[in-house]
PDB file of all heavy atoms in Angstrom:
ATOM      1  N   ALA A   1      -3.539  -7.918  -0.605  1.00  0.00           N
ATOM      2  CA  ALA A   1      -2.649  -9.006  -1.106  1.00  0.00           C
ATOM      3  C   ALA A   1      -1.210  -8.772  -0.645  1.00  0.00           C
ATOM      4  O   ALA A   1      -0.538  -9.713  -0.284  1.00  0.00           O
ATOM      5  CB  ALA A   1      -2.754  -8.975  -2.691  1.00  0.00           C
ATOM      6  N   LEU A   2      -0.799  -7.498  -0.686  1.00  0.00           N
ATOM      7  CA  LEU A   2       0.584  -7.188  -0.324  1.00  0.00           C
ATOM      8  C   LEU A   2       0.791  -7.410   1.188  1.00  0.00           C
ATOM      9  O   LEU A   2       1.874  -7.840   1.636  1.00  0.00           O
ATOM     10  CB  LEU A   2       0.914  -5.711  -0.681  1.00  0.00           C
ATOM     11  CG  LEU A   2       1.070  -5.464  -2.175  1.00  0.00           C
ATOM     12  CD1 LEU A   2       1.027  -3.945  -2.439  1.00  0.00           C
ATOM     13  CD2 LEU A   2       2.350  -6.054  -2.694  1.00  0.00           C
ATOM     14  N   ILE A   3      -0.258  -7.080   2.009  1.00  0.00           N
ATOM     15  CA  ILE A   3      -0.182  -7.331   3.467  1.00  0.00           C
ATOM     16  C   ILE A   3      -0.039  -8.828   3.756  1.00  0.00           C
ATOM     17  O   ILE A   3       0.691  -9.240   4.578  1.00  0.00           O
ATOM     18  CB  ILE A   3      -1.387  -6.691   4.186  1.00  0.00           C
ATOM     19  CG1 ILE A   3      -1.346  -5.158   4.107  1.00  0.00           C
ATOM     20  CG2 ILE A   3      -1.432  -7.128   5.663  1.00  0.00           C
ATOM     21  CD1 ILE A   3      -2.559  -4.477   4.631  1.00  0.00           C
ATOM     22  N   GLN A   4      -0.736  -9.582   2.924  1.00  0.00           N
ATOM     23  CA  GLN A   4      -0.668 -11.059   3.051  1.00  0.00           C
ATOM     24  C   GLN A   4       0.722 -11.536   2.741  1.00  0.00           C
ATOM     25  O   GLN A   4       1.273 -12.402   3.432  1.00  0.00           O
ATOM     26  CB  GLN A   4      -1.743 -11.710   2.184  1.00  0.00           C
ATOM     27  CG  GLN A   4      -1.778 -13.258   2.243  1.00  0.00           C
ATOM     28  CD  GLN A   4      -2.261 -13.682   3.608  1.00  0.00           C
ATOM     29  OE1 GLN A   4      -2.962 -13.037   4.305  1.00  0.00           O
ATOM     30  NE2 GLN A   4      -1.778 -14.946   4.046  1.00  0.00           N
ATOM     31  N   ASP A   5       1.296 -10.914   1.676  1.00  0.00           N
ATOM     32  CA  ASP A   5       2.699 -11.251   1.404  1.00  0.00           C
ATOM     33  C   ASP A   5       3.667 -10.962   2.457  1.00  0.00           C
ATOM     34  O   ASP A   5       4.637 -11.716   2.760  1.00  0.00           O
ATOM     35  CB  ASP A   5       3.101 -10.531   0.057  1.00  0.00           C
ATOM     36  CG  ASP A   5       2.430 -11.020  -1.174  1.00  0.00           C
ATOM     37  OD1 ASP A   5       1.841 -12.165  -1.086  1.00  0.00           O
ATOM     38  OD2 ASP A   5       2.389 -10.325  -2.202  1.00  0.00           O
ATOM     39  N   ILE A   6       3.463  -9.777   3.165  1.00  0.00           N
ATOM     40  CA  ILE A   6       4.309  -9.388   4.306  1.00  0.00           C
ATOM     41  C   ILE A   6       4.150 -10.349   5.432  1.00  0.00           C
ATOM     42  O   ILE A   6       5.157 -10.790   6.039  1.00  0.00           O
ATOM     43  CB  ILE A   6       3.975  -7.991   4.694  1.00  0.00           C
ATOM     44  CG1 ILE A   6       4.418  -7.002   3.638  1.00  0.00           C
ATOM     45  CG2 ILE A   6       4.628  -7.588   6.055  1.00  0.00           C
ATOM     46  CD1 ILE A   6       3.971  -5.508   3.880  1.00  0.00           C
ATOM     47  N   ARG A   7       2.921 -10.796   5.684  1.00  0.00           N
ATOM     48  CA  ARG A   7       2.684 -11.744   6.785  1.00  0.00           C
ATOM     49  C   ARG A   7       3.469 -13.083   6.564  1.00  0.00           C
ATOM     50  O   ARG A   7       3.988 -13.698   7.438  1.00  0.00           O
ATOM     51  CB  ARG A   7       1.191 -12.155   6.958  1.00  0.00           C
ATOM     52  CG  ARG A   7       0.315 -11.009   7.492  1.00  0.00           C
ATOM     53  CD  ARG A   7      -1.040 -11.552   7.947  1.00  0.00           C
ATOM     54  NE  ARG A   7      -1.880 -10.494   8.294  1.00  0.00           N
ATOM     55  CZ  ARG A   7      -2.890  -9.993   7.580  1.00  0.00           C
ATOM     56  NH1 ARG A   7      -3.015 -10.430   6.340  1.00  0.00           N
ATOM     57  NH2 ARG A   7      -3.673  -9.062   8.072  1.00  0.00           N
ATOM     58  N   GLU A   8       3.487 -13.452   5.282  1.00  0.00           N
ATOM     59  CA  GLU A   8       4.129 -14.790   4.994  1.00  0.00           C
ATOM     60  C   GLU A   8       5.619 -14.609   4.602  1.00  0.00           C
ATOM     61  O   GLU A   8       6.214 -15.634   4.187  1.00  0.00           O
ATOM     62  CB  GLU A   8       3.339 -15.389   3.811  1.00  0.00           C
ATOM     63  CG  GLU A   8       1.856 -15.733   4.232  1.00  0.00           C
ATOM     64  CD  GLU A   8       1.076 -16.181   3.036  1.00  0.00           C
ATOM     65  OE1 GLU A   8       1.561 -16.142   1.932  1.00  0.00           O
ATOM     66  OE2 GLU A   8      -0.083 -16.562   3.247  1.00  0.00           O
ATOM     67  N   CYS A   9       6.051 -13.318   4.603  1.00  0.00           N
ATOM     68  CA  CYS A   9       7.502 -13.128   4.243  1.00  0.00           C
ATOM     69  C   CYS A   9       8.460 -13.643   5.385  1.00  0.00           C
ATOM     70  O   CYS A   9       8.367 -13.324   6.506  1.00  0.00           O
ATOM     71  CB  CYS A   9       7.753 -11.653   3.981  1.00  0.00           C
ATOM     72  SG  CYS A   9       9.451 -11.252   3.603  1.00  0.00           S
ATOM     73  N   CYS A  10       9.403 -14.505   4.979  1.00  0.00           N
ATOM     74  CA  CYS A  10      10.425 -14.976   5.946  1.00  0.00           C
ATOM     75  C   CYS A  10      11.772 -14.309   5.727  1.00  0.00           C
ATOM     76  O   CYS A  10      12.817 -14.861   6.184  1.00  0.00           O
ATOM     77  CB  CYS A  10      10.496 -16.478   5.791  1.00  0.00           C
ATOM     78  SG  CYS A  10       8.956 -17.322   6.238  1.00  0.00           S
ATOM     79  N   GLY A  11      11.793 -13.265   4.978  1.00  0.00           N
ATOM     80  CA  GLY A  11      13.053 -12.599   4.735  1.00  0.00           C
ATOM     81  C   GLY A  11      13.554 -12.743   3.333  1.00  0.00           C
ATOM     82  O   GLY A  11      12.924 -13.402   2.527  1.00  0.00           O
ATOM     83  N   PRO A  12      14.674 -12.186   2.980  1.00  0.00           N
ATOM     84  CA  PRO A  12      15.502 -11.302   3.886  1.00  0.00           C
ATOM     85  C   PRO A  12      14.839  -9.924   4.058  1.00  0.00           C
ATOM     86  O   PRO A  12      13.794  -9.663   3.524  1.00  0.00           O
ATOM     87  CB  PRO A  12      16.807 -11.252   3.149  1.00  0.00           C
ATOM     88  CG  PRO A  12      16.425 -11.377   1.678  1.00  0.00           C
ATOM     89  CD  PRO A  12      15.287 -12.404   1.709  1.00  0.00           C
ATOM     90  N   GLN A  13      15.536  -9.089   4.752  1.00  0.00           N
ATOM     91  CA  GLN A  13      15.052  -7.704   4.992  1.00  0.00           C
ATOM     92  C   GLN A  13      14.767  -6.912   3.673  1.00  0.00           C
ATOM     93  O   GLN A  13      13.891  -6.130   3.631  1.00  0.00           O
ATOM     94  CB  GLN A  13      16.072  -6.918   5.904  1.00  0.00           C
ATOM     95  CG  GLN A  13      16.138  -7.433   7.368  1.00  0.00           C
ATOM     96  CD  GLN A  13      14.923  -7.030   8.116  1.00  0.00           C
ATOM     97  OE1 GLN A  13      14.112  -6.202   7.690  1.00  0.00           O
ATOM     98  NE2 GLN A  13      14.811  -7.557   9.375  1.00  0.00           N
ATOM     99  N   ALA A  14      15.566  -7.122   2.677  1.00  0.00           N
ATOM    100  CA  ALA A  14      15.392  -6.415   1.375  1.00  0.00           C
ATOM    101  C   ALA A  14      14.079  -6.746   0.756  1.00  0.00           C
ATOM    102  O   ALA A  14      13.456  -5.820   0.210  1.00  0.00           O
ATOM    103  CB  ALA A  14      16.594  -6.834   0.425  1.00  0.00           C
ATOM    104  N   VAL A  15      13.642  -8.002   0.912  1.00  0.00           N
ATOM    105  CA  VAL A  15      12.302  -8.338   0.343  1.00  0.00           C
ATOM    106  C   VAL A  15      11.234  -7.657   1.163  1.00  0.00           C
ATOM    107  O   VAL A  15      10.258  -7.057   0.514  1.00  0.00           O
ATOM    108  CB  VAL A  15      12.062  -9.875   0.435  1.00  0.00           C
ATOM    109  CG1 VAL A  15      10.613 -10.243  -0.001  1.00  0.00           C
ATOM    110  CG2 VAL A  15      13.088 -10.574  -0.446  1.00  0.00           C
ATOM    111  N   LEU A  16      11.301  -7.553   2.428  1.00  0.00           N
ATOM    112  CA  LEU A  16      10.311  -6.834   3.270  1.00  0.00           C
ATOM    113  C   LEU A  16      10.305  -5.336   2.933  1.00  0.00           C
ATOM    114  O   LEU A  16       9.261  -4.737   2.810  1.00  0.00           O
ATOM    115  CB  LEU A  16      10.662  -7.044   4.755  1.00  0.00           C
ATOM    116  CG  LEU A  16       9.790  -6.315   5.716  1.00  0.00           C
ATOM    117  CD1 LEU A  16       8.327  -6.808   5.569  1.00  0.00           C
ATOM    118  CD2 LEU A  16      10.166  -6.545   7.167  1.00  0.00           C
ATOM    119  N   MET A  17      11.502  -4.783   2.739  1.00  0.00           N
ATOM    120  CA  MET A  17      11.572  -3.325   2.425  1.00  0.00           C
ATOM    121  C   MET A  17      10.865  -3.053   1.065  1.00  0.00           C
ATOM    122  O   MET A  17      10.188  -2.037   0.853  1.00  0.00           O
ATOM    123  CB  MET A  17      12.959  -2.913   2.428  1.00  0.00           C
ATOM    124  CG  MET A  17      13.655  -2.767   3.777  1.00  0.00           C
ATOM    125  SD  MET A  17      15.416  -2.416   3.671  1.00  0.00           S
ATOM    126  CE  MET A  17      15.338  -0.786   2.995  1.00  0.00           C
ATOM    127  N   GLU A  18      11.050  -3.968   0.065  1.00  0.00           N
ATOM    128  CA  GLU A  18      10.463  -3.787  -1.246  1.00  0.00           C
ATOM    129  C   GLU A  18       8.974  -3.872  -1.100  1.00  0.00           C
ATOM    130  O   GLU A  18       8.237  -3.047  -1.768  1.00  0.00           O
ATOM    131  CB  GLU A  18      11.060  -4.823  -2.160  1.00  0.00           C
ATOM    132  CG  GLU A  18      10.510  -4.700  -3.605  1.00  0.00           C
ATOM    133  CD  GLU A  18      11.114  -5.715  -4.533  1.00  0.00           C
ATOM    134  OE1 GLU A  18      12.017  -6.429  -4.137  1.00  0.00           O
ATOM    135  OE2 GLU A  18      10.676  -5.740  -5.704  1.00  0.00           O
ATOM    136  N   LEU A  19       8.481  -4.808  -0.358  1.00  0.00           N
ATOM    137  CA  LEU A  19       7.002  -4.972  -0.190  1.00  0.00           C
ATOM    138  C   LEU A  19       6.440  -3.726   0.480  1.00  0.00           C
ATOM    139  O   LEU A  19       5.365  -3.210   0.109  1.00  0.00           O
ATOM    140  CB  LEU A  19       6.742  -6.190   0.688  1.00  0.00           C
ATOM    141  CG  LEU A  19       6.876  -7.615   0.026  1.00  0.00           C
ATOM    142  CD1 LEU A  19       6.769  -8.691   1.041  1.00  0.00           C
ATOM    143  CD2 LEU A  19       5.920  -7.795  -1.118  1.00  0.00           C
ATOM    144  N   ASN A  20       7.050  -3.221   1.509  1.00  0.00           N
ATOM    145  CA  ASN A  20       6.598  -2.018   2.229  1.00  0.00           C
ATOM    146  C   ASN A  20       6.600  -0.761   1.266  1.00  0.00           C
ATOM    147  O   ASN A  20       5.740   0.031   1.344  1.00  0.00           O
ATOM    148  CB  ASN A  20       7.473  -1.729   3.419  1.00  0.00           C
ATOM    149  CG  ASN A  20       7.079  -2.657   4.544  1.00  0.00           C
ATOM    150  OD1 ASN A  20       5.976  -2.918   4.832  1.00  0.00           O
ATOM    151  ND2 ASN A  20       8.120  -3.037   5.370  1.00  0.00           N
ATOM    152  N   SER A  21       7.603  -0.730   0.402  1.00  0.00           N
ATOM    153  CA  SER A  21       7.631   0.379  -0.503  1.00  0.00           C
ATOM    154  C   SER A  21       6.398   0.380  -1.438  1.00  0.00           C
ATOM    155  O   SER A  21       5.804   1.423  -1.775  1.00  0.00           O
ATOM    156  CB  SER A  21       8.920   0.327  -1.345  1.00  0.00           C
ATOM    157  OG  SER A  21       8.990   1.398  -2.299  1.00  0.00           O
ATOM    158  N   THR A  22       6.114  -0.797  -1.927  1.00  0.00           N
ATOM    159  CA  THR A  22       4.975  -1.005  -2.815  1.00  0.00           C
ATOM    160  C   THR A  22       3.624  -0.684  -2.099  1.00  0.00           C
ATOM    161  O   THR A  22       2.731   0.014  -2.618  1.00  0.00           O
ATOM    162  CB  THR A  22       4.904  -2.396  -3.326  1.00  0.00           C
ATOM    163  OG1 THR A  22       6.101  -2.717  -3.993  1.00  0.00           O
ATOM    164  CG2 THR A  22       3.742  -2.540  -4.371  1.00  0.00           C
ATOM    165  N   VAL A  23       3.568  -1.137  -0.778  1.00  0.00           N
ATOM    166  CA  VAL A  23       2.327  -0.783  -0.072  1.00  0.00           C
ATOM    167  C   VAL A  23       2.159   0.714   0.169  1.00  0.00           C
ATOM    168  O   VAL A  23       1.061   1.240   0.091  1.00  0.00           O
ATOM    169  CB  VAL A  23       2.445  -1.527   1.362  1.00  0.00           C
ATOM    170  CG1 VAL A  23       1.254  -1.107   2.242  1.00  0.00           C
ATOM    171  CG2 VAL A  23       2.342  -3.019   1.165  1.00  0.00           C
ATOM    172  N   LYS A  24       3.242   1.428   0.466  1.00  0.00           N
ATOM    173  CA  LYS A  24       3.189   2.844   0.617  1.00  0.00           C
ATOM    174  C   LYS A  24       2.657   3.502  -0.658  1.00  0.00           C
ATOM    175  O   LYS A  24       1.798   4.461  -0.568  1.00  0.00           O
ATOM    176  CB  LYS A  24       4.561   3.404   0.965  1.00  0.00           C
ATOM    177  CG  LYS A  24       5.051   3.078   2.389  1.00  0.00           C
ATOM    178  CD  LYS A  24       6.426   3.689   2.700  1.00  0.00           C
ATOM    179  CE  LYS A  24       6.983   3.294   4.017  1.00  0.00           C
ATOM    180  NZ  LYS A  24       8.328   3.772   4.294  1.00  0.00           N
ATOM    181  N   GLU A  25       3.122   3.033  -1.761  1.00  0.00           N
ATOM    182  CA  GLU A  25       2.699   3.662  -3.041  1.00  0.00           C
ATOM    183  C   GLU A  25       1.155   3.423  -3.243  1.00  0.00           C
ATOM    184  O   GLU A  25       0.438   4.381  -3.609  1.00  0.00           O
ATOM    185  CB  GLU A  25       3.473   3.068  -4.175  1.00  0.00           C
ATOM    186  CG  GLU A  25       3.103   3.603  -5.585  1.00  0.00           C
ATOM    187  CD  GLU A  25       3.858   2.895  -6.681  1.00  0.00           C
ATOM    188  OE1 GLU A  25       4.707   2.148  -6.353  1.00  0.00           O
ATOM    189  OE2 GLU A  25       3.494   3.185  -7.857  1.00  0.00           O
ATOM    190  N   LYS A  26       0.718   2.176  -2.934  1.00  0.00           N
ATOM    191  CA  LYS A  26      -0.722   1.847  -3.124  1.00  0.00           C
ATOM    192  C   LYS A  26      -1.641   2.704  -2.102  1.00  0.00           C
ATOM    193  O   LYS A  26      -2.664   3.183  -2.473  1.00  0.00           O
ATOM    194  CB  LYS A  26      -0.916   0.424  -2.876  1.00  0.00           C
ATOM    195  CG  LYS A  26      -0.219  -0.477  -3.907  1.00  0.00           C
ATOM    196  CD  LYS A  26      -0.796  -0.233  -5.300  1.00  0.00           C
ATOM    197  CE  LYS A  26      -0.106  -1.160  -6.318  1.00  0.00           C
ATOM    198  NZ  LYS A  26      -0.633  -0.869  -7.751  1.00  0.00           N
ATOM    199  N   PHE A  27      -1.117   2.862  -0.928  1.00  0.00           N
ATOM    200  CA  PHE A  27      -1.893   3.727   0.071  1.00  0.00           C
ATOM    201  C   PHE A  27      -1.944   5.144  -0.370  1.00  0.00           C
ATOM    202  O   PHE A  27      -2.937   5.788  -0.201  1.00  0.00           O
ATOM    203  CB  PHE A  27      -1.191   3.657   1.439  1.00  0.00           C
ATOM    204  CG  PHE A  27      -1.619   2.611   2.341  1.00  0.00           C
ATOM    205  CD1 PHE A  27      -0.787   1.577   2.878  1.00  0.00           C
ATOM    206  CD2 PHE A  27      -3.026   2.540   2.707  1.00  0.00           C
ATOM    207  CE1 PHE A  27      -1.294   0.635   3.698  1.00  0.00           C
ATOM    208  CE2 PHE A  27      -3.515   1.509   3.519  1.00  0.00           C
ATOM    209  CZ  PHE A  27      -2.640   0.589   4.054  1.00  0.00           C
ATOM    210  N   SER A  28      -0.912   5.702  -1.004  1.00  0.00           N
ATOM    211  CA  SER A  28      -0.911   6.975  -1.501  1.00  0.00           C
ATOM    212  C   SER A  28      -1.922   7.184  -2.591  1.00  0.00           C
ATOM    213  O   SER A  28      -2.693   8.136  -2.640  1.00  0.00           O
ATOM    214  CB  SER A  28       0.446   7.391  -2.058  1.00  0.00           C
ATOM    215  OG  SER A  28       0.527   8.592  -2.627  1.00  0.00           O
ATOM    216  N   GLN A  29      -1.999   6.160  -3.524  1.00  0.00           N
ATOM    217  CA  GLN A  29      -2.989   6.221  -4.642  1.00  0.00           C
ATOM    218  C   GLN A  29      -4.398   6.095  -4.085  1.00  0.00           C
ATOM    219  O   GLN A  29      -5.344   6.774  -4.579  1.00  0.00           O
ATOM    220  CB  GLN A  29      -2.706   5.041  -5.584  1.00  0.00           C
ATOM    221  CG  GLN A  29      -1.399   5.241  -6.318  1.00  0.00           C
ATOM    222  CD  GLN A  29      -0.947   4.035  -7.175  1.00  0.00           C
ATOM    223  OE1 GLN A  29      -1.364   2.923  -6.840  1.00  0.00           O
ATOM    224  NE2 GLN A  29      -0.150   4.243  -8.160  1.00  0.00           N
ATOM    225  N   LEU A  30      -4.565   5.161  -3.085  1.00  0.00           N
ATOM    226  CA  LEU A  30      -5.874   4.948  -2.438  1.00  0.00           C
ATOM    227  C   LEU A  30      -6.333   6.258  -1.795  1.00  0.00           C
ATOM    228  O   LEU A  30      -7.509   6.702  -1.928  1.00  0.00           O
ATOM    229  CB  LEU A  30      -5.811   3.824  -1.488  1.00  0.00           C
ATOM    230  CG  LEU A  30      -7.066   3.548  -0.642  1.00  0.00           C
ATOM    231  CD1 LEU A  30      -8.246   3.194  -1.559  1.00  0.00           C
ATOM    232  CD2 LEU A  30      -6.802   2.502   0.419  1.00  0.00           C
ATOM    233  N   ARG A  31      -5.426   6.920  -1.036  1.00  0.00           N
ATOM    234  CA  ARG A  31      -5.832   8.149  -0.321  1.00  0.00           C
ATOM    235  C   ARG A  31      -6.289   9.247  -1.281  1.00  0.00           C
ATOM    236  O   ARG A  31      -7.239   9.989  -1.061  1.00  0.00           O
ATOM    237  CB  ARG A  31      -4.591   8.610   0.441  1.00  0.00           C
ATOM    238  CG  ARG A  31      -4.931   9.664   1.517  1.00  0.00           C
ATOM    239  CD  ARG A  31      -3.742  10.045   2.325  1.00  0.00           C
ATOM    240  NE  ARG A  31      -3.324   8.946   3.129  1.00  0.00           N
ATOM    241  CZ  ARG A  31      -2.233   8.190   2.892  1.00  0.00           C
ATOM    242  NH1 ARG A  31      -1.435   8.398   1.901  1.00  0.00           N
ATOM    243  NH2 ARG A  31      -1.920   7.206   3.689  1.00  0.00           N
ATOM    244  N   LEU A  32      -5.605   9.323  -2.441  1.00  0.00           N
ATOM    245  CA  LEU A  32      -5.990  10.390  -3.417  1.00  0.00           C
ATOM    246  C   LEU A  32      -7.336  10.065  -4.047  1.00  0.00           C
ATOM    247  O   LEU A  32      -8.174  11.037  -4.220  1.00  0.00           O
ATOM    248  CB  LEU A  32      -4.905  10.408  -4.569  1.00  0.00           C
ATOM    249  CG  LEU A  32      -3.533  11.018  -4.245  1.00  0.00           C
ATOM    250  CD1 LEU A  32      -2.577  10.845  -5.399  1.00  0.00           C
ATOM    251  CD2 LEU A  32      -3.704  12.455  -3.898  1.00  0.00           C
ATOM    252  N   ARG A  33      -7.621   8.858  -4.291  1.00  0.00           N
ATOM    253  CA  ARG A  33      -8.982   8.475  -4.897  1.00  0.00           C
ATOM    254  C   ARG A  33     -10.079   8.756  -3.871  1.00  0.00           C
ATOM    255  O   ARG A  33     -11.178   9.138  -4.242  1.00  0.00           O
ATOM    256  CB  ARG A  33      -8.986   6.969  -5.342  1.00  0.00           C
ATOM    257  CG  ARG A  33      -7.974   6.736  -6.495  1.00  0.00           C
ATOM    258  CD  ARG A  33      -8.146   7.741  -7.620  1.00  0.00           C
ATOM    259  NE  ARG A  33      -9.398   7.555  -8.366  1.00  0.00           N
ATOM    260  CZ  ARG A  33      -9.962   8.485  -9.029  1.00  0.00           C
ATOM    261  NH1 ARG A  33      -9.550   9.716  -9.081  1.00  0.00           N
ATOM    262  NH2 ARG A  33     -11.075   8.231  -9.758  1.00  0.00           N
ATOM    263  N   ILE A  34      -9.795   8.467  -2.518  1.00  0.00           N
ATOM    264  CA  ILE A  34     -10.783   8.714  -1.494  1.00  0.00           C
ATOM    265  C   ILE A  34     -11.078  10.250  -1.480  1.00  0.00           C
ATOM    266  O   ILE A  34     -12.190  10.747  -1.350  1.00  0.00           O
ATOM    267  CB  ILE A  34     -10.345   8.187  -0.160  1.00  0.00           C
ATOM    268  CG1 ILE A  34     -10.351   6.634  -0.241  1.00  0.00           C
ATOM    269  CG2 ILE A  34     -11.176   8.731   0.931  1.00  0.00           C
ATOM    270  CD1 ILE A  34      -9.825   5.953   1.066  1.00  0.00           C
ATOM    271  N   GLN A  35     -10.027  11.026  -1.584  1.00  0.00           N
ATOM    272  CA  GLN A  35     -10.205  12.447  -1.620  1.00  0.00           C
ATOM    273  C   GLN A  35     -10.990  12.956  -2.808  1.00  0.00           C
ATOM    274  O   GLN A  35     -11.814  13.909  -2.722  1.00  0.00           O
ATOM    275  CB  GLN A  35      -8.802  13.203  -1.561  1.00  0.00           C
ATOM    276  CG  GLN A  35      -8.066  13.043  -0.253  1.00  0.00           C
ATOM    277  CD  GLN A  35      -6.652  13.550  -0.305  1.00  0.00           C
ATOM    278  OE1 GLN A  35      -6.191  13.936  -1.321  1.00  0.00           O
ATOM    279  NE2 GLN A  35      -5.942  13.542   0.805  1.00  0.00           N
ATOM    280  N   ASP A  36     -10.732  12.227  -3.927  1.00  0.00           N
ATOM    281  CA  ASP A  36     -11.488  12.635  -5.148  1.00  0.00           C
ATOM    282  C   ASP A  36     -12.998  12.408  -4.980  1.00  0.00           C
ATOM    283  O   ASP A  36     -13.828  13.194  -5.356  1.00  0.00           O
ATOM    284  CB  ASP A  36     -10.973  11.836  -6.387  1.00  0.00           C
ATOM    285  CG  ASP A  36      -9.534  12.257  -6.798  1.00  0.00           C
ATOM    286  OD1 ASP A  36      -9.142  13.388  -6.417  1.00  0.00           O
ATOM    287  OD2 ASP A  36      -8.924  11.476  -7.489  1.00  0.00           O
ATOM    288  N   MET A  37     -13.277  11.203  -4.376  1.00  0.00           N
ATOM    289  CA  MET A  37     -14.699  10.916  -4.134  1.00  0.00           C
ATOM    290  C   MET A  37     -15.356  11.848  -3.176  1.00  0.00           C
ATOM    291  O   MET A  37     -16.448  12.239  -3.400  1.00  0.00           O
ATOM    292  CB  MET A  37     -14.807   9.426  -3.604  1.00  0.00           C
ATOM    293  CG  MET A  37     -16.250   8.999  -3.314  1.00  0.00           C
ATOM    294  SD  MET A  37     -16.403   7.262  -2.830  1.00  0.00           S
ATOM    295  CE  MET A  37     -16.262   6.508  -4.445  1.00  0.00           C
ATOM    296  N   GLU A  38     -14.619  12.270  -2.130  1.00  0.00           N
ATOM    297  CA  GLU A  38     -15.168  13.258  -1.225  1.00  0.00           C
ATOM    298  C   GLU A  38     -15.414  14.532  -1.884  1.00  0.00           C
ATOM    299  O   GLU A  38     -16.480  15.195  -1.624  1.00  0.00           O
ATOM    300  CB  GLU A  38     -14.219  13.431  -0.091  1.00  0.00           C
ATOM    301  CG  GLU A  38     -14.654  14.260   1.073  1.00  0.00           C
ATOM    302  CD  GLU A  38     -13.740  14.323   2.245  1.00  0.00           C
ATOM    303  OE1 GLU A  38     -12.488  14.180   1.981  1.00  0.00           O
ATOM    304  OE2 GLU A  38     -14.175  14.505   3.419  1.00  0.00           O
ATOM    305  N   GLN A  39     -14.584  14.970  -2.824  1.00  0.00           N
ATOM    306  CA  GLN A  39     -14.785  16.235  -3.565  1.00  0.00           C
ATOM    307  C   GLN A  39     -16.013  16.103  -4.464  1.00  0.00           C
ATOM    308  O   GLN A  39     -16.815  17.075  -4.586  1.00  0.00           O
ATOM    309  CB  GLN A  39     -13.567  16.571  -4.405  1.00  0.00           C
ATOM    310  CG  GLN A  39     -13.654  17.831  -5.202  1.00  0.00           C
ATOM    311  CD  GLN A  39     -13.826  19.027  -4.313  1.00  0.00           C
ATOM    312  OE1 GLN A  39     -13.254  19.087  -3.212  1.00  0.00           O
ATOM    313  NE2 GLN A  39     -14.576  20.059  -4.763  1.00  0.00           N
ATOM    314  N   MET A  40     -16.183  14.906  -5.134  1.00  0.00           N
ATOM    315  CA  MET A  40     -17.374  14.669  -5.991  1.00  0.00           C
ATOM    316  C   MET A  40     -18.620  14.783  -5.166  1.00  0.00           C
ATOM    317  O   MET A  40     -19.663  15.305  -5.585  1.00  0.00           O
ATOM    318  CB  MET A  40     -17.311  13.300  -6.626  1.00  0.00           C
ATOM    319  CG  MET A  40     -16.170  13.118  -7.620  1.00  0.00           C
ATOM    320  SD  MET A  40     -16.181  11.462  -8.320  1.00  0.00           S
ATOM    321  CE  MET A  40     -14.576  11.489  -9.203  1.00  0.00           C
ATOM    322  N   ALA A  41     -18.588  14.262  -3.882  1.00  0.00           N
ATOM    323  CA  ALA A  41     -19.795  14.362  -3.058  1.00  0.00           C
ATOM    324  C   ALA A  41     -20.157  15.875  -2.742  1.00  0.00           C
ATOM    325  O   ALA A  41     -21.339  16.209  -2.819  1.00  0.00           O
ATOM    326  CB  ALA A  41     -19.485  13.669  -1.707  1.00  0.00           C
ATOM    327  N   LYS A  42     -19.170  16.673  -2.542  1.00  0.00           N
ATOM    328  CA  LYS A  42     -19.412  18.092  -2.270  1.00  0.00           C
ATOM    329  C   LYS A  42     -19.991  18.842  -3.446  1.00  0.00           C
ATOM    330  O   LYS A  42     -20.636  19.900  -3.279  1.00  0.00           O
ATOM    331  CB  LYS A  42     -18.118  18.804  -1.806  1.00  0.00           C
ATOM    332  CG  LYS A  42     -17.586  18.184  -0.424  1.00  0.00           C
ATOM    333  CD  LYS A  42     -16.237  18.924  -0.088  1.00  0.00           C
ATOM    334  CE  LYS A  42     -15.724  18.361   1.283  1.00  0.00           C
ATOM    335  NZ  LYS A  42     -14.455  18.978   1.642  1.00  0.00           N
TER     336      LYS A  42
END
């Protein structure tokens, strides 16, 4: 959903930076949960 917002964002730069900051946070949370699942598998 956030990537779709970025595609449709027409500015200004501050809005784009805010969206990217949120995406980074979500990627960090996603990466941690994937690592948790990998540990559960082991």
